[in-house]
Each structure stands twice: as C-alpha cells, then as structure tokens.
N, C-alpha and C. Protein backbone atom coordinates (compact mmCIF):
# COMPACT_ATOMS: atom_id res chain seq x y z
N ARG A 1 0.84 -1.19 0.00
CA ARG A 1 0.00 0.00 0.00
C ARG A 1 0.87 1.24 0.00
N LEU A 2 0.46 2.17 -0.79
CA LEU A 2 1.23 3.40 -0.90
C LEU A 2 0.51 4.51 -0.17
N LEU A 3 1.20 5.17 0.71
CA LEU A 3 0.68 6.34 1.41
C LEU A 3 -0.55 6.04 2.26
N ASN A 4 -0.76 4.77 2.60
CA ASN A 4 -1.87 4.35 3.46
C ASN A 4 -3.24 4.78 2.96
N LEU A 5 -3.42 4.82 1.66
CA LEU A 5 -4.71 5.19 1.09
C LEU A 5 -5.54 3.97 0.70
N GLY A 6 -5.00 2.78 0.89
CA GLY A 6 -5.73 1.57 0.58
C GLY A 6 -5.64 1.15 -0.88
N ALA A 7 -4.86 1.82 -1.66
CA ALA A 7 -4.71 1.48 -3.08
C ALA A 7 -3.33 0.87 -3.31
N GLU A 8 -3.28 -0.06 -4.25
CA GLU A 8 -2.01 -0.61 -4.68
C GLU A 8 -1.64 0.06 -5.98
N LEU A 9 -0.53 0.76 -6.00
CA LEU A 9 -0.08 1.52 -7.16
C LEU A 9 1.08 0.79 -7.82
N LEU A 10 0.95 0.56 -9.12
CA LEU A 10 2.01 -0.02 -9.94
C LEU A 10 2.18 0.89 -11.15
N TYR A 11 3.34 0.82 -11.80
CA TYR A 11 3.54 1.66 -12.97
C TYR A 11 4.32 0.92 -14.05
N HIS A 12 4.22 1.46 -15.26
CA HIS A 12 5.07 1.01 -16.35
C HIS A 12 5.48 2.25 -17.15
N ASP A 13 6.73 2.33 -17.46
CA ASP A 13 7.26 3.35 -18.35
C ASP A 13 8.53 2.77 -18.95
N PRO A 14 8.61 2.72 -20.28
CA PRO A 14 9.81 2.12 -20.89
C PRO A 14 11.08 2.91 -20.62
N LEU A 15 10.95 4.15 -20.18
CA LEU A 15 12.13 4.99 -19.96
C LEU A 15 12.47 5.19 -18.48
N VAL A 16 11.59 4.72 -17.59
CA VAL A 16 11.79 4.92 -16.15
C VAL A 16 11.87 3.55 -15.47
N THR A 17 13.03 3.24 -14.91
CA THR A 17 13.20 1.93 -14.30
C THR A 17 12.90 1.92 -12.80
N THR A 18 12.96 3.07 -12.14
CA THR A 18 12.60 3.16 -10.72
C THR A 18 11.83 4.44 -10.49
N TRP A 19 10.90 4.37 -9.54
CA TRP A 19 10.09 5.55 -9.19
C TRP A 19 9.72 5.44 -7.73
N ASP A 20 9.86 6.54 -7.01
CA ASP A 20 9.41 6.53 -5.62
C ASP A 20 8.64 7.81 -5.32
N ILE A 21 7.75 7.68 -4.36
CA ILE A 21 6.93 8.81 -3.91
C ILE A 21 7.18 8.97 -2.42
N ASP A 22 7.71 10.11 -2.04
CA ASP A 22 8.01 10.39 -0.63
C ASP A 22 8.84 9.27 -0.01
N GLY A 23 9.80 8.77 -0.77
CA GLY A 23 10.70 7.74 -0.26
C GLY A 23 10.17 6.33 -0.32
N VAL A 24 8.94 6.16 -0.85
CA VAL A 24 8.35 4.82 -0.97
C VAL A 24 8.49 4.38 -2.42
N SER A 25 9.13 3.24 -2.64
CA SER A 25 9.33 2.72 -3.99
C SER A 25 8.02 2.19 -4.56
N VAL A 26 7.70 2.60 -5.79
CA VAL A 26 6.51 2.12 -6.48
C VAL A 26 6.93 0.94 -7.36
N PRO A 27 6.27 -0.21 -7.23
CA PRO A 27 6.64 -1.37 -8.04
C PRO A 27 6.38 -1.13 -9.53
N ARG A 28 7.29 -1.63 -10.35
CA ARG A 28 7.19 -1.49 -11.81
C ARG A 28 6.76 -2.82 -12.41
N VAL A 29 5.78 -2.79 -13.32
CA VAL A 29 5.41 -4.00 -14.06
C VAL A 29 6.21 -4.02 -15.35
N ASP A 30 6.64 -5.21 -15.75
CA ASP A 30 7.41 -5.34 -16.98
C ASP A 30 6.53 -5.35 -18.22
N ASP A 31 5.34 -5.92 -18.10
CA ASP A 31 4.42 -6.05 -19.23
C ASP A 31 3.22 -5.14 -18.98
N TYR A 32 3.16 -4.02 -19.69
CA TYR A 32 2.11 -3.04 -19.44
C TYR A 32 0.72 -3.57 -19.77
N LEU A 33 0.60 -4.45 -20.77
CA LEU A 33 -0.70 -5.00 -21.13
C LEU A 33 -1.19 -5.97 -20.05
N ALA A 34 -0.34 -6.83 -19.56
CA ALA A 34 -0.71 -7.74 -18.48
C ALA A 34 -1.04 -6.95 -17.22
N GLY A 35 -0.27 -5.90 -16.95
CA GLY A 35 -0.55 -5.05 -15.80
C GLY A 35 -1.90 -4.38 -15.91
N ALA A 36 -2.24 -3.92 -17.10
CA ALA A 36 -3.54 -3.26 -17.32
C ALA A 36 -4.69 -4.25 -17.16
N GLU A 37 -4.48 -5.49 -17.57
CA GLU A 37 -5.53 -6.51 -17.43
C GLU A 37 -5.86 -6.78 -15.97
N SER A 38 -4.87 -6.73 -15.11
CA SER A 38 -5.10 -7.05 -13.71
C SER A 38 -5.45 -5.83 -12.85
N ALA A 39 -5.34 -4.65 -13.39
CA ALA A 39 -5.61 -3.42 -12.63
C ALA A 39 -7.09 -3.04 -12.71
N ASP A 40 -7.59 -2.45 -11.65
CA ASP A 40 -8.95 -1.91 -11.67
C ASP A 40 -9.02 -0.68 -12.55
N LEU A 41 -7.95 0.10 -12.58
CA LEU A 41 -7.89 1.32 -13.38
C LEU A 41 -6.48 1.50 -13.92
N THR A 42 -6.39 1.82 -15.21
CA THR A 42 -5.13 2.15 -15.85
C THR A 42 -5.19 3.62 -16.22
N VAL A 43 -4.16 4.37 -15.86
CA VAL A 43 -4.09 5.80 -16.18
C VAL A 43 -2.97 6.00 -17.19
N LEU A 44 -3.31 6.52 -18.36
CA LEU A 44 -2.30 6.82 -19.38
C LEU A 44 -1.85 8.27 -19.18
N LEU A 45 -0.61 8.42 -18.74
CA LEU A 45 -0.05 9.75 -18.54
C LEU A 45 0.83 10.18 -19.70
N GLN A 46 1.47 9.21 -20.34
CA GLN A 46 2.38 9.50 -21.45
C GLN A 46 2.14 8.47 -22.55
N ASN A 47 1.93 8.93 -23.75
CA ASN A 47 1.69 8.04 -24.89
C ASN A 47 3.01 7.73 -25.58
N HIS A 48 3.74 6.75 -25.04
CA HIS A 48 5.00 6.36 -25.65
C HIS A 48 4.74 5.65 -26.98
N ALA A 49 5.62 5.83 -27.93
CA ALA A 49 5.48 5.20 -29.26
C ALA A 49 5.46 3.68 -29.16
N SER A 50 6.07 3.13 -28.14
CA SER A 50 6.11 1.67 -28.00
C SER A 50 4.80 1.09 -27.46
N TYR A 51 3.87 1.93 -27.02
CA TYR A 51 2.60 1.43 -26.50
C TYR A 51 1.62 1.16 -27.63
N ASP A 52 0.98 0.01 -27.57
CA ASP A 52 -0.09 -0.35 -28.50
C ASP A 52 -1.41 0.07 -27.83
N LEU A 53 -1.89 1.26 -28.17
CA LEU A 53 -3.04 1.81 -27.48
C LEU A 53 -4.33 1.06 -27.78
N LYS A 54 -4.45 0.50 -28.97
CA LYS A 54 -5.64 -0.29 -29.30
C LYS A 54 -5.72 -1.52 -28.41
N SER A 55 -4.60 -2.22 -28.26
CA SER A 55 -4.55 -3.39 -27.38
C SER A 55 -4.77 -2.99 -25.93
N LEU A 56 -4.21 -1.87 -25.53
CA LEU A 56 -4.38 -1.40 -24.17
C LEU A 56 -5.85 -1.12 -23.88
N ALA A 57 -6.53 -0.45 -24.80
CA ALA A 57 -7.96 -0.15 -24.62
C ALA A 57 -8.79 -1.42 -24.57
N THR A 58 -8.38 -2.44 -25.30
CA THR A 58 -9.11 -3.70 -25.35
C THR A 58 -8.88 -4.54 -24.10
N ARG A 59 -7.65 -4.53 -23.60
CA ARG A 59 -7.30 -5.44 -22.49
C ARG A 59 -7.49 -4.84 -21.11
N ALA A 60 -7.47 -3.52 -20.98
CA ALA A 60 -7.63 -2.90 -19.67
C ALA A 60 -9.10 -2.92 -19.24
N ARG A 61 -9.32 -3.09 -17.95
CA ARG A 61 -10.69 -3.05 -17.43
C ARG A 61 -11.29 -1.66 -17.58
N ARG A 62 -10.50 -0.65 -17.26
CA ARG A 62 -10.93 0.74 -17.32
C ARG A 62 -9.70 1.59 -17.53
N VAL A 63 -9.79 2.59 -18.42
CA VAL A 63 -8.65 3.46 -18.72
C VAL A 63 -9.06 4.92 -18.53
N PHE A 64 -8.22 5.67 -17.86
CA PHE A 64 -8.34 7.12 -17.82
C PHE A 64 -7.21 7.67 -18.67
N ASP A 65 -7.56 8.23 -19.81
CA ASP A 65 -6.59 8.69 -20.81
C ASP A 65 -6.40 10.20 -20.68
N THR A 66 -5.28 10.60 -20.09
CA THR A 66 -5.01 12.03 -19.91
C THR A 66 -4.44 12.67 -21.17
N ARG A 67 -4.15 11.86 -22.19
CA ARG A 67 -3.57 12.37 -23.43
C ARG A 67 -4.60 12.53 -24.55
N GLY A 68 -5.80 11.99 -24.37
CA GLY A 68 -6.82 12.05 -25.41
C GLY A 68 -6.45 11.24 -26.63
N SER A 69 -5.73 10.13 -26.42
CA SER A 69 -5.18 9.33 -27.52
C SER A 69 -5.95 8.04 -27.79
N MET A 70 -6.88 7.69 -26.91
CA MET A 70 -7.51 6.38 -27.01
C MET A 70 -9.03 6.50 -27.14
N ASP A 71 -9.63 5.47 -27.72
CA ASP A 71 -11.07 5.37 -27.81
C ASP A 71 -11.49 3.97 -27.40
N GLY A 72 -12.71 3.83 -26.95
CA GLY A 72 -13.25 2.52 -26.62
C GLY A 72 -14.24 2.62 -25.49
N PRO A 73 -15.02 1.56 -25.29
CA PRO A 73 -16.06 1.59 -24.27
C PRO A 73 -15.54 1.63 -22.84
N THR A 74 -14.29 1.24 -22.62
CA THR A 74 -13.72 1.28 -21.26
C THR A 74 -12.82 2.49 -21.05
N VAL A 75 -12.79 3.41 -22.02
CA VAL A 75 -11.87 4.55 -21.97
C VAL A 75 -12.62 5.83 -21.62
N GLU A 76 -12.10 6.56 -20.65
CA GLU A 76 -12.55 7.90 -20.31
C GLU A 76 -11.42 8.85 -20.67
N ARG A 77 -11.72 9.83 -21.50
CA ARG A 77 -10.70 10.78 -21.93
C ARG A 77 -10.80 12.07 -21.13
N MET A 78 -9.66 12.66 -20.87
CA MET A 78 -9.61 13.93 -20.16
C MET A 78 -9.79 15.06 -21.14
C-alpha cells in the first residue's frame, strides 16, 4: 500500500526503471498489457510510441486517458 490510502499503485514506463513517492518505492510492471488486465484502473499519462493503445484499450478493465489518444467503451478521456 502506498501512502496508506488503501490502493495498490504499480507503474510502467519504458524509460523509467525506478520511481518513488516520498521515499516509498513504487513497483514497476514489466508487461504493461498484463498489468492493465489485472488493474482496476489504468491511467495513461504518457503516450510512448512503444505502447499499443488499441490493445491497451481492449485489455484494460478501465482506462483514464489524460492524453486524449484512445477510444473505446472502457476509456474515459480527459
């Protein structure tokens, strides 16, 4: 649990190998599609060229797209 909020936070970024918040290390998933499948919510903060957004929209339970790059019934765009 991160910051005692009751949520489990994981991340994926092909360019960031470690990330911490207030000294707490956030676990990194190696496979972003598998991570999205198991997450209650996936938040797209950066649209890396290596991301397959169509597959992400299909496999994620729910997506919050802050980049306005995705479409689909499980996608909410900012």
